[in-house]
């Protein structure tokens, strides 16, 4: 595609969810019309591969109910009537939960909504459909040979990968089909596609949201995540989904404190990513953000431990899906997924030391950060072209490992995270990843909202456009 408009469907409504709800309340828009607009965009050629199923009948019914509530002045929530999409690992009543796999084509349709979908529906939000993904959520690239691979908007030239595994959810938001979409994140499956697609992605902390009715990959680390174009939408969705009361995500009384980890997380980045990250840090420092560069020993030891033994994700994914090795026929599994499962089986690595050390390393990380947030690029490179990866298995596997290497170790350490897009807009998207110690979601969300404003990206605009040529480079490059 040569532009970011979904062909004949016309331009999307470039409003975040809160702004849409405000227009509904003022009588300037109605939810039913916005929902029909979402379907027109979802069915346009630019959205090919983004959805596995559209739930039109349900959505029309929900939108009409929202319009009736607005007419009586009784909206169900600050996001009443706002359309959303959900990754196809969550049960939606009346649909098959495919997890992006043909092996599940004979599974009966779900009898009930998953807990996440039920909570959003109770708040009046409108479910327009289920989004495509890497098969079984077991890849960071977002490629799917069964349902197609969604393409991030704004790509000039050959298509690039969207990132995964929550590829369809990220692309649906980036295209403007919906302002909010739900994904999951075990090794980076929200934070990575948010970076590649130029949207905001929040990986919630473990057990912050219910996973009931969600197909697991690696239950020890599986979490729910949210995509949006503004932090205020992320915070609004968080208020609807969190299981326990938490501190309000009010603006912090002082600028956030950031720790930039010295070592591999930056050293292994491409020059373009390092440069954009450095410029971003400079801009935040101008707003009074304290930025400290230092070694985080818990991070270094965690990565070393996984390199020597195995990752929890590989071990638990193999436990669940290893039986599919050798399967052939029309329901064959994505070769990239099979290679990853087979690689774990062949290596015969023991993940027990990784499990044993997890609690102590998380405690050490909390002490080392001392209430600050970790700041680093979400991915060490920009989104690569799709075609060369499909033509070369070794390249595919190498890029998949490298794409997930930062976010995977942060998942192991239990860190909730927010990816914010920085630098020039598409097609070379780069994401700033802010991460908190386990349990630090409220502080993370409030701080990410403050950073969004500092970078000039509040309420759905692309954040952090690069400064004019000639601006001094950041401290991280000097």
Protein backbone atom coordinates (compact mmCIF):
# COMPACT_ATOMS: atom_id res chain seq x y z
CA UNK A 1 0.00 0.00 0.00
CA UNK A 2 1.17 3.53 -0.74
CA UNK A 3 -0.81 5.31 1.95
CA UNK A 4 -2.51 4.56 5.22
CA UNK A 5 -6.12 4.92 4.06
CA UNK A 6 -8.08 1.67 3.74
CA UNK A 7 -8.90 2.06 0.03
CA UNK A 8 -12.48 2.78 -1.00
CA UNK A 9 -13.74 2.54 2.59
CA UNK A 10 -12.61 6.12 3.10
CA UNK A 11 -10.59 7.61 5.93
CA UNK A 12 -10.95 6.30 9.48
CA UNK A 13 -12.17 8.50 12.30
CA UNK A 14 -8.90 9.69 13.81
CA UNK A 15 -10.33 9.97 17.30
CA UNK A 16 -9.42 7.99 20.38
CA UNK A 17 -12.12 6.13 22.31
CA UNK A 18 -12.65 8.84 24.90
CA UNK A 19 -13.13 11.46 22.18
CA UNK A 20 -15.66 9.25 20.40
CA UNK A 21 -17.62 8.82 23.63
CA UNK A 22 -17.59 12.58 24.17
CA UNK A 23 -19.03 13.04 20.66
CA UNK A 24 -21.69 10.42 21.40
CA UNK A 25 -22.69 12.25 24.58
CA UNK A 26 -22.87 15.58 22.73
CA UNK A 27 -25.06 14.08 20.00
CA UNK A 28 -22.45 14.82 17.33
CA UNK A 29 -21.91 11.15 16.42
CA UNK A 30 -23.80 7.95 17.12
CA UNK A 31 -22.37 4.56 17.99
CA UNK A 32 -24.32 2.71 15.30
CA UNK A 33 -22.83 4.82 12.50
CA UNK A 34 -19.31 4.55 13.93
CA UNK A 35 -19.74 0.78 14.17
CA UNK A 36 -20.79 0.56 10.52
CA UNK A 37 -17.74 2.64 9.66
CA UNK A 38 -15.56 0.16 11.54
CA UNK A 39 -16.96 -2.72 9.47
CA UNK A 40 -16.37 -0.85 6.21
CA UNK A 41 -12.75 -0.36 7.22
CA UNK A 42 -12.37 -3.94 8.47
CA UNK A 43 -13.61 -5.29 5.13
CA UNK A 44 -11.42 -3.00 2.98
CA UNK A 45 -8.42 -4.52 1.14
CA UNK A 46 -5.94 -2.72 3.41
CA UNK A 47 -7.30 -4.73 6.35
CA UNK A 48 -6.69 -8.12 4.69
CA UNK A 49 -5.39 -10.59 7.24
CA UNK A 50 -6.31 -8.38 10.20
CA UNK A 51 -9.46 -10.19 11.38
CA UNK A 52 -10.34 -13.87 11.64
CA UNK A 53 -14.05 -13.17 12.16
CA UNK A 54 -16.31 -10.12 12.32
CA UNK A 55 -19.21 -10.10 14.79
CA UNK A 56 -21.54 -7.76 12.92
CA UNK A 57 -24.89 -8.87 14.35
CA UNK A 58 -23.64 -8.58 17.91
CA UNK A 59 -21.93 -5.25 17.29
CA UNK A 60 -24.98 -3.63 15.69
CA UNK A 61 -27.10 -4.73 18.64
CA UNK A 62 -24.58 -3.40 21.18
CA UNK A 63 -24.16 -0.09 19.35
CA UNK A 64 -27.91 0.54 19.20
CA UNK A 65 -28.18 -0.09 22.93
CA UNK A 66 -25.36 2.39 23.55
CA UNK A 67 -27.16 5.03 21.48
CA UNK A 68 -30.31 4.53 23.56
CA UNK A 69 -28.32 5.01 26.76
CA UNK A 70 -26.80 8.23 25.45
CA UNK A 71 -30.22 9.55 24.47
CA UNK A 72 -31.39 9.06 28.05
CA UNK A 73 -28.20 10.57 29.48
CA UNK A 74 -27.07 7.34 31.15
CA UNK A 75 -23.92 6.00 29.46
CA UNK A 76 -22.60 2.78 30.98
CA UNK A 77 -18.98 4.01 31.18
CA UNK A 78 -16.58 6.60 29.73
CA UNK A 79 -16.15 4.21 26.76
CA UNK A 80 -19.81 3.35 26.16
CA UNK A 81 -20.43 2.70 22.46
CA UNK A 82 -16.75 2.63 21.53
CA UNK A 83 -15.85 -0.22 19.14
CA UNK A 84 -13.08 -2.65 20.05
CA UNK A 85 -11.51 -5.81 18.67
CA UNK A 86 -10.08 -8.76 20.55
CA UNK A 87 -7.30 -11.22 19.75
CA UNK A 88 -8.51 -14.66 18.70
CA UNK A 89 -7.37 -16.37 21.88
CA UNK A 90 -10.30 -14.89 23.84
CA UNK A 91 -13.67 -16.59 23.81
CA UNK A 92 -16.45 -14.55 22.22
CA UNK A 93 -19.83 -16.25 22.51
CA UNK A 94 -20.89 -17.92 19.27
CA UNK A 95 -17.43 -17.91 17.65
CA UNK A 96 -14.64 -20.48 17.46
CA UNK A 97 -11.48 -19.49 19.32
CA UNK A 98 -8.90 -20.40 16.69
CA UNK A 99 -5.65 -19.06 18.19
CA UNK A 100 -4.71 -18.43 14.55
CA UNK A 101 -4.61 -22.17 13.82
CA UNK A 102 -6.47 -24.46 11.43
CA UNK A 103 -5.97 -27.26 13.95
CA UNK A 104 -8.81 -25.72 15.97
CA UNK A 105 -11.30 -25.46 13.11
CA UNK A 106 -13.46 -28.24 14.58
CA UNK A 107 -13.58 -26.78 18.09
CA UNK A 108 -17.16 -25.89 19.07
CA UNK A 109 -18.04 -22.19 19.23
CA UNK A 110 -17.63 -20.62 22.65
CA UNK A 111 -20.77 -20.72 24.78
CA UNK A 112 -19.81 -17.62 26.76
CA UNK A 113 -17.65 -14.52 26.49
CA UNK A 114 -14.24 -14.55 28.13
CA UNK A 115 -13.93 -12.46 31.29
CA UNK A 116 -12.21 -9.62 29.43
CA UNK A 117 -14.84 -9.41 26.67
CA UNK A 118 -17.64 -9.65 29.22
CA UNK A 119 -16.21 -6.77 31.27
CA UNK A 120 -15.85 -4.50 28.23
CA UNK A 121 -19.34 -5.39 26.99
CA UNK A 122 -20.75 -4.60 30.44
CA UNK A 123 -19.18 -1.15 30.07
CA UNK A 124 -21.06 -0.68 26.80
CA UNK A 125 -18.14 -1.22 24.44
CA UNK A 126 -18.94 -2.73 21.05
CA UNK A 127 -17.13 -5.93 19.98
CA UNK A 128 -16.64 -5.81 16.19
CA UNK A 129 -14.60 -8.99 15.81
CA UNK A 130 -11.62 -11.17 16.58
CA UNK A 131 -8.16 -10.39 15.29
CA UNK A 132 -5.52 -12.48 13.57
CA UNK A 133 -2.30 -13.51 15.28
CA UNK A 134 0.80 -15.66 15.10
CA UNK A 135 -0.33 -19.26 15.40
CA UNK A 136 -0.81 -20.20 19.08
CA UNK A 137 0.78 -16.81 19.96
CA UNK A 138 4.20 -18.48 19.56
CA UNK A 139 6.09 -15.95 17.43
CA UNK A 140 7.10 -12.31 17.63
CA UNK A 141 6.81 -11.66 13.89
CA UNK A 142 3.03 -11.71 13.39
CA UNK A 143 3.14 -13.98 10.35
CA UNK A 144 0.22 -16.36 9.80
CA UNK A 145 0.17 -18.77 6.81
CA UNK A 146 -3.46 -19.78 7.41
CA UNK A 147 -5.37 -16.51 7.76
CA UNK A 148 -2.89 -14.18 6.06
CA UNK A 149 -0.45 -11.71 7.56
CA UNK A 150 -1.75 -8.21 8.32
CA UNK A 151 0.39 -5.35 7.01
CA UNK A 152 1.04 -2.18 9.03
CA UNK A 153 -0.36 0.92 7.31
CA UNK A 154 1.79 3.51 5.61
CA UNK A 155 4.25 1.00 4.17
CA UNK A 156 5.94 2.20 0.99
CA UNK A 157 7.41 -0.57 -1.09
CA UNK A 158 7.43 -4.18 -0.01
CA UNK A 159 5.32 -5.17 3.03
CA UNK A 160 7.00 -5.42 6.42
CA UNK A 161 6.07 -7.64 9.33
CA UNK A 162 3.53 -6.28 11.84
CA UNK A 163 5.13 -7.91 14.87
CA UNK A 164 3.41 -10.51 16.98
CA UNK A 165 1.89 -12.36 18.23
CA UNK A 166 -1.00 -9.86 18.61
CA UNK A 167 -0.53 -8.67 15.03
CA UNK A 168 -4.16 -8.16 14.03
CA UNK A 169 -5.01 -6.16 17.14
CA UNK A 170 -2.10 -3.78 16.57
CA UNK A 171 -2.88 -3.33 12.87
CA UNK A 172 -6.61 -2.80 13.56
CA UNK A 173 -5.75 0.15 15.80
CA UNK A 174 -3.05 1.46 13.47
CA UNK A 175 -5.50 1.42 10.54
CA UNK A 176 -8.14 3.25 12.57
CA UNK A 177 -10.65 0.40 12.33
CA UNK A 178 -11.06 0.55 16.11
CA UNK A 179 -9.51 2.88 18.69
CA UNK A 180 -8.96 0.04 21.18
CA UNK A 181 -7.99 -3.61 20.78
CA UNK A 182 -7.13 -6.37 23.21
CA UNK A 183 -4.13 -8.66 22.89
CA UNK A 184 -2.00 -10.93 25.01
CA UNK A 185 1.66 -10.69 25.93
CA UNK A 186 3.85 -13.55 27.11
CA UNK A 187 7.22 -12.69 25.53
CA UNK A 188 6.43 -9.35 23.90
CA UNK A 189 3.25 -9.99 21.94
CA UNK A 190 1.77 -6.54 22.68
CA UNK A 191 4.91 -4.46 23.15
CA UNK A 192 6.55 -5.63 19.89
CA UNK A 193 3.64 -5.09 17.45
CA UNK A 194 2.88 -1.75 19.10
CA UNK A 195 6.43 -0.67 18.23
CA UNK A 196 6.27 -1.94 14.63
CA UNK A 197 2.78 -0.51 13.97
CA UNK A 198 3.26 2.88 15.63
CA UNK A 199 0.58 2.58 18.31
CA UNK A 200 0.57 2.40 22.11
CA UNK A 201 0.71 -1.06 23.68
CA UNK A 202 0.32 -1.91 27.37
CA UNK A 203 1.33 -5.29 28.80
CA UNK A 204 -0.46 -5.53 32.11
CA UNK A 205 1.21 -7.07 35.12
CA UNK A 206 0.57 -10.71 35.89
CA UNK A 207 -2.90 -11.34 37.35
CA UNK A 208 -3.97 -7.70 36.95
CA UNK A 209 -6.71 -8.83 34.54
CA UNK A 210 -8.60 -12.10 34.41
CA UNK A 211 -7.42 -14.70 31.90
CA UNK A 212 -10.59 -16.79 32.23
CA UNK A 213 -11.78 -17.78 28.77
CA UNK A 214 -8.35 -17.05 27.25
CA UNK A 215 -6.42 -19.82 25.49
CA UNK A 216 -2.99 -20.03 27.18
CA UNK A 217 0.49 -20.30 25.71
CA UNK A 218 2.70 -20.25 28.80
CA UNK A 219 0.47 -19.74 31.86
CA UNK A 220 3.33 -18.70 34.15
CA UNK A 221 3.92 -15.55 32.07
CA UNK A 222 0.71 -15.04 30.03
CA UNK A 223 -0.83 -11.59 30.51
CA UNK A 224 -3.53 -9.52 28.86
CA UNK A 225 -2.61 -6.35 26.99
CA UNK A 226 -4.27 -3.32 25.41
CA UNK A 227 -3.59 -1.37 22.19
CA UNK A 228 -4.76 2.21 21.72
CA UNK A 229 -3.76 5.56 20.26
CA UNK A 230 -3.77 7.42 23.58
CA UNK A 231 -2.76 6.72 27.14
CA UNK A 232 -6.09 8.01 28.39
CA UNK A 233 -7.79 5.17 26.50
CA UNK A 234 -5.33 2.66 27.97
CA UNK A 235 -6.08 3.97 31.47
CA UNK A 236 -9.84 3.92 30.83
CA UNK A 237 -9.71 0.28 29.70
CA UNK A 238 -7.52 -0.59 32.68
CA UNK A 239 -10.18 0.79 35.02
CA UNK A 240 -12.73 -1.56 33.42
CA UNK A 241 -10.57 -4.70 33.50
CA UNK A 242 -8.45 -4.71 36.63
CA UNK A 243 -9.46 -7.30 39.19
CA UNK A 244 -8.54 -5.40 42.35
CA UNK A 245 -8.71 -1.76 43.40
CA UNK A 246 -5.49 0.09 42.64
CA UNK A 247 -4.09 3.55 43.04
CA UNK A 248 -5.57 6.01 40.58
CA UNK A 249 -3.40 6.65 37.55
CA UNK A 250 -3.31 10.36 38.34
CA UNK A 251 -0.53 12.53 36.91
CA UNK A 252 2.63 12.10 38.99
CA UNK A 253 3.55 14.97 41.30
CA UNK A 254 7.08 15.00 39.86
CA UNK A 255 8.55 13.96 36.50
CA UNK A 256 9.22 10.22 36.21
CA UNK A 257 12.63 8.76 37.02
CA UNK A 258 14.07 6.54 34.31
CA UNK A 259 16.89 4.02 34.41
CA UNK A 260 18.49 3.15 31.07
CA UNK A 261 20.17 -0.27 31.34
CA UNK A 262 23.80 -0.31 30.28
CA UNK A 263 24.66 -3.35 28.17
CA UNK A 264 23.05 -5.56 25.57
CA UNK A 265 19.58 -3.97 25.51
CA UNK A 266 21.11 -0.87 23.92
CA UNK A 267 24.39 -2.17 22.49
CA UNK A 268 22.58 -4.63 20.22
CA UNK A 269 20.22 -2.00 18.73
CA UNK A 270 20.58 -0.77 15.17
CA UNK A 271 21.98 2.77 14.78
CA UNK A 272 18.58 4.11 13.73
CA UNK A 273 16.90 2.76 16.86
CA UNK A 274 19.69 4.01 19.14
CA UNK A 275 19.55 7.48 17.57
CA UNK A 276 15.80 7.81 17.96
CA UNK A 277 15.98 6.56 21.53
CA UNK A 278 18.72 9.08 22.38
CA UNK A 279 16.73 11.98 20.92
CA UNK A 280 13.72 10.83 22.93
CA UNK A 281 15.75 10.81 26.16
CA UNK A 282 17.02 14.32 25.42
CA UNK A 283 13.49 15.58 24.99
CA UNK A 284 12.35 13.97 28.24
CA UNK A 285 15.33 15.45 30.09
CA UNK A 286 14.27 18.89 28.85
CA UNK A 287 10.97 18.29 30.65
CA UNK A 288 12.71 17.50 33.92
CA UNK A 289 12.76 13.72 33.66
CA UNK A 290 15.71 12.25 35.56
CA UNK A 291 17.53 9.79 33.30
CA UNK A 292 20.23 7.57 34.79
CA UNK A 293 22.31 5.06 32.85
CA UNK A 294 23.58 2.08 34.84
CA UNK A 295 23.96 -1.66 34.90
CA UNK A 296 21.00 -3.68 36.22
CA UNK A 297 22.49 -6.93 37.47
CA UNK A 298 19.13 -8.73 37.71
CA UNK A 299 18.60 -8.11 34.01
CA UNK A 300 22.04 -9.38 33.05
CA UNK A 301 21.74 -12.51 35.18
CA UNK A 302 18.23 -13.29 33.95
CA UNK A 303 19.33 -13.15 30.32
CA UNK A 304 22.38 -15.30 31.02
CA UNK A 305 20.23 -17.85 32.83
CA UNK A 306 17.82 -18.20 29.91
CA UNK A 307 20.67 -18.40 27.41
CA UNK A 308 22.28 -21.26 29.36
CA UNK A 309 19.14 -23.23 30.06
CA UNK A 310 15.79 -22.45 28.42
CA UNK A 311 12.97 -19.96 28.51
CA UNK A 312 9.79 -20.61 30.45
CA UNK A 313 7.80 -19.75 27.34
CA UNK A 314 9.47 -22.44 25.22
CA UNK A 315 9.09 -25.05 27.96
CA UNK A 316 5.41 -24.39 28.61
CA UNK A 317 4.54 -23.97 24.92
CA UNK A 318 6.16 -27.33 24.20
CA UNK A 319 4.24 -28.92 27.06
CA UNK A 320 1.00 -27.71 25.48
CA UNK A 321 1.69 -28.00 21.74
CA UNK A 322 4.62 -30.42 21.34
CA UNK A 323 2.14 -33.15 20.38
CA UNK A 324 1.62 -31.32 17.07
CA UNK A 325 5.18 -32.01 15.86
CA UNK A 326 5.07 -34.00 12.64
CA UNK A 327 1.47 -33.13 11.90
CA UNK A 328 0.75 -32.71 8.18
CA UNK A 329 -2.21 -32.13 5.90
CA UNK A 330 -4.59 -29.19 5.47
CA UNK A 331 -4.45 -28.39 9.20
CA UNK A 332 -0.65 -28.37 9.32
CA UNK A 333 0.96 -26.00 11.78
CA UNK A 334 2.99 -22.93 10.76
CA UNK A 335 6.51 -24.24 9.96
CA UNK A 336 8.07 -21.44 12.01
CA UNK A 337 6.12 -22.54 15.08
CA UNK A 338 7.03 -26.19 14.48
CA UNK A 339 10.74 -25.35 14.17
CA UNK A 340 10.66 -23.54 17.49
CA UNK A 341 8.91 -26.46 19.21
CA UNK A 342 11.28 -28.97 17.59
CA UNK A 343 14.30 -26.90 18.58
CA UNK A 344 13.31 -27.03 22.24
CA UNK A 345 12.75 -30.79 22.06
CA UNK A 346 16.08 -31.43 20.33
CA UNK A 347 18.11 -29.30 22.73
CA UNK A 348 16.77 -31.20 25.76
CA UNK A 349 17.43 -28.19 27.95
CA UNK A 350 16.19 -28.13 31.52
CA UNK A 351 14.26 -24.98 32.49
CA UNK A 352 14.22 -25.86 36.21
CA UNK A 353 17.00 -23.38 37.15
CA UNK A 354 15.10 -20.62 35.36
CA UNK A 355 11.98 -21.29 37.42
CA UNK A 356 13.95 -21.52 40.67
CA UNK A 357 15.71 -18.18 40.22
CA UNK A 358 12.69 -16.18 39.09
CA UNK A 359 11.44 -14.96 42.47
CA UNK A 360 14.85 -13.88 43.76
CA UNK A 361 15.70 -12.06 40.52
CA UNK A 362 12.41 -10.18 40.60
CA UNK A 363 13.10 -9.08 44.17
CA UNK A 364 16.58 -7.92 43.20
CA UNK A 365 15.22 -6.01 40.23
CA UNK A 366 12.77 -4.17 42.48
CA UNK A 367 15.59 -3.14 44.80
CA UNK A 368 17.85 -2.06 41.94
CA UNK A 369 15.20 0.13 40.32
CA UNK A 370 14.20 1.73 43.61
CA UNK A 371 10.87 2.95 42.25
CA UNK A 372 12.25 4.17 38.91
CA UNK A 373 11.07 2.89 35.54
CA UNK A 374 13.30 0.99 33.13
CA UNK A 375 13.55 2.73 29.73
CA UNK A 376 14.82 1.07 26.55
CA UNK A 377 13.79 0.51 22.93
CA UNK A 378 10.95 -2.01 22.70
CA UNK A 379 12.64 -3.79 19.78
CA UNK A 380 16.28 -3.53 18.72
CA UNK A 381 15.48 -2.98 15.04
CA UNK A 382 12.68 -1.62 12.87
CA UNK A 383 10.20 -3.94 11.16
CA UNK A 384 11.99 -5.95 8.44
CA UNK A 385 10.48 -6.81 5.04
CA UNK A 386 8.22 -9.86 5.07
CA UNK A 387 9.26 -11.64 1.86
CA UNK A 388 12.92 -12.42 2.75
CA UNK A 389 11.79 -13.98 6.04
CA UNK A 390 9.36 -16.29 4.28
CA UNK A 391 12.08 -17.35 1.83
CA UNK A 392 14.76 -18.20 4.41
CA UNK A 393 14.01 -20.32 7.48
CA UNK A 394 17.29 -19.46 9.19
CA UNK A 395 16.72 -15.74 8.74
CA UNK A 396 13.13 -16.10 9.97
CA UNK A 397 14.22 -17.87 13.15
CA UNK A 398 17.09 -15.45 13.80
CA UNK A 399 14.89 -12.37 13.39
CA UNK A 400 12.20 -13.90 15.60
CA UNK A 401 14.70 -14.50 18.41
CA UNK A 402 16.18 -11.02 18.12
CA UNK A 403 12.77 -9.35 17.91
CA UNK A 404 11.71 -10.88 21.23
CA UNK A 405 15.02 -10.77 23.08
CA UNK A 406 14.39 -7.54 25.01
CA UNK A 407 10.75 -8.06 25.88
CA UNK A 408 11.18 -11.74 26.77
CA UNK A 409 13.66 -11.10 29.56
CA UNK A 410 11.48 -8.30 30.93
CA UNK A 411 8.50 -10.70 30.94
CA UNK A 412 10.54 -13.23 32.89
CA UNK A 413 11.24 -10.51 35.46
CA UNK A 414 7.50 -9.84 35.78
CA UNK A 415 7.63 -6.28 34.47
CA UNK A 416 4.48 -4.58 33.17
CA UNK A 417 5.35 -2.37 30.22
CA UNK A 418 4.07 0.36 27.90
CA UNK A 419 5.36 0.90 24.37
CA UNK A 420 5.03 4.47 23.08
CA UNK A 421 5.82 5.29 19.43
CA UNK A 422 8.72 7.73 19.01
CA UNK A 423 10.33 9.50 16.10
CA UNK A 424 8.99 10.01 12.58
CA UNK A 425 5.79 8.23 11.68
CA UNK A 426 5.53 5.14 9.53
CA UNK A 427 7.06 3.19 7.86
CA UNK A 428 10.09 3.23 10.18
CA UNK A 429 8.33 2.97 13.53
CA UNK A 430 10.37 2.77 16.73
CA UNK A 431 8.94 2.18 20.19
CA UNK A 432 10.05 3.50 23.56
CA UNK A 433 9.42 0.83 26.19
CA UNK A 434 8.80 1.91 29.78
CA UNK A 435 8.70 -0.96 32.28
CA UNK A 436 8.03 -1.11 36.01
CA UNK A 437 8.99 -3.59 38.69
CA UNK A 438 6.34 -6.26 39.35
CA UNK A 439 3.18 -4.72 40.79
CA UNK A 440 4.03 -1.22 39.57
CA UNK A 441 1.23 -0.88 37.00
CA UNK A 442 -0.42 2.24 38.43
CA UNK A 443 2.85 4.17 38.56
CA UNK A 444 3.76 2.91 35.09
CA UNK A 445 0.48 4.03 33.52
CA UNK A 446 0.56 7.47 35.13
CA UNK A 447 4.18 7.98 34.14
CA UNK A 448 3.58 6.77 30.57
CA UNK A 449 0.73 9.28 30.25
CA UNK A 450 3.06 12.04 31.43
CA UNK A 451 5.76 10.94 28.97
CA UNK A 452 3.19 10.83 26.15
CA UNK A 453 2.36 14.47 26.82
CA UNK A 454 6.03 15.46 27.01
CA UNK A 455 6.61 13.87 23.61
CA UNK A 456 3.66 15.70 22.09
CA UNK A 457 1.50 12.69 21.43
CA UNK A 458 -1.57 13.02 23.64
CA UNK A 459 -5.00 11.94 22.41
CA UNK A 460 -4.10 9.85 19.43
CA UNK A 461 -1.42 11.81 17.62
CA UNK A 462 1.85 10.14 16.70
CA UNK A 463 4.21 10.93 19.53
CA UNK A 464 7.76 12.16 19.53
CA UNK A 465 8.36 13.34 15.98
CA UNK A 466 12.08 13.66 15.45
CA UNK A 467 13.59 17.14 15.78
CA UNK A 468 14.87 19.03 12.75
CA UNK A 469 18.21 17.93 11.26
CA UNK A 470 21.17 19.29 13.13
CA UNK A 471 19.79 18.83 16.62
CA UNK A 472 22.51 17.54 18.97
CA UNK A 473 22.37 13.83 19.59
CA UNK A 474 21.47 12.44 22.98
CA UNK A 475 23.70 11.59 25.87
CA UNK A 476 23.33 7.89 25.12
CA UNK A 477 25.22 8.42 21.85
CA UNK A 478 28.01 10.57 23.20
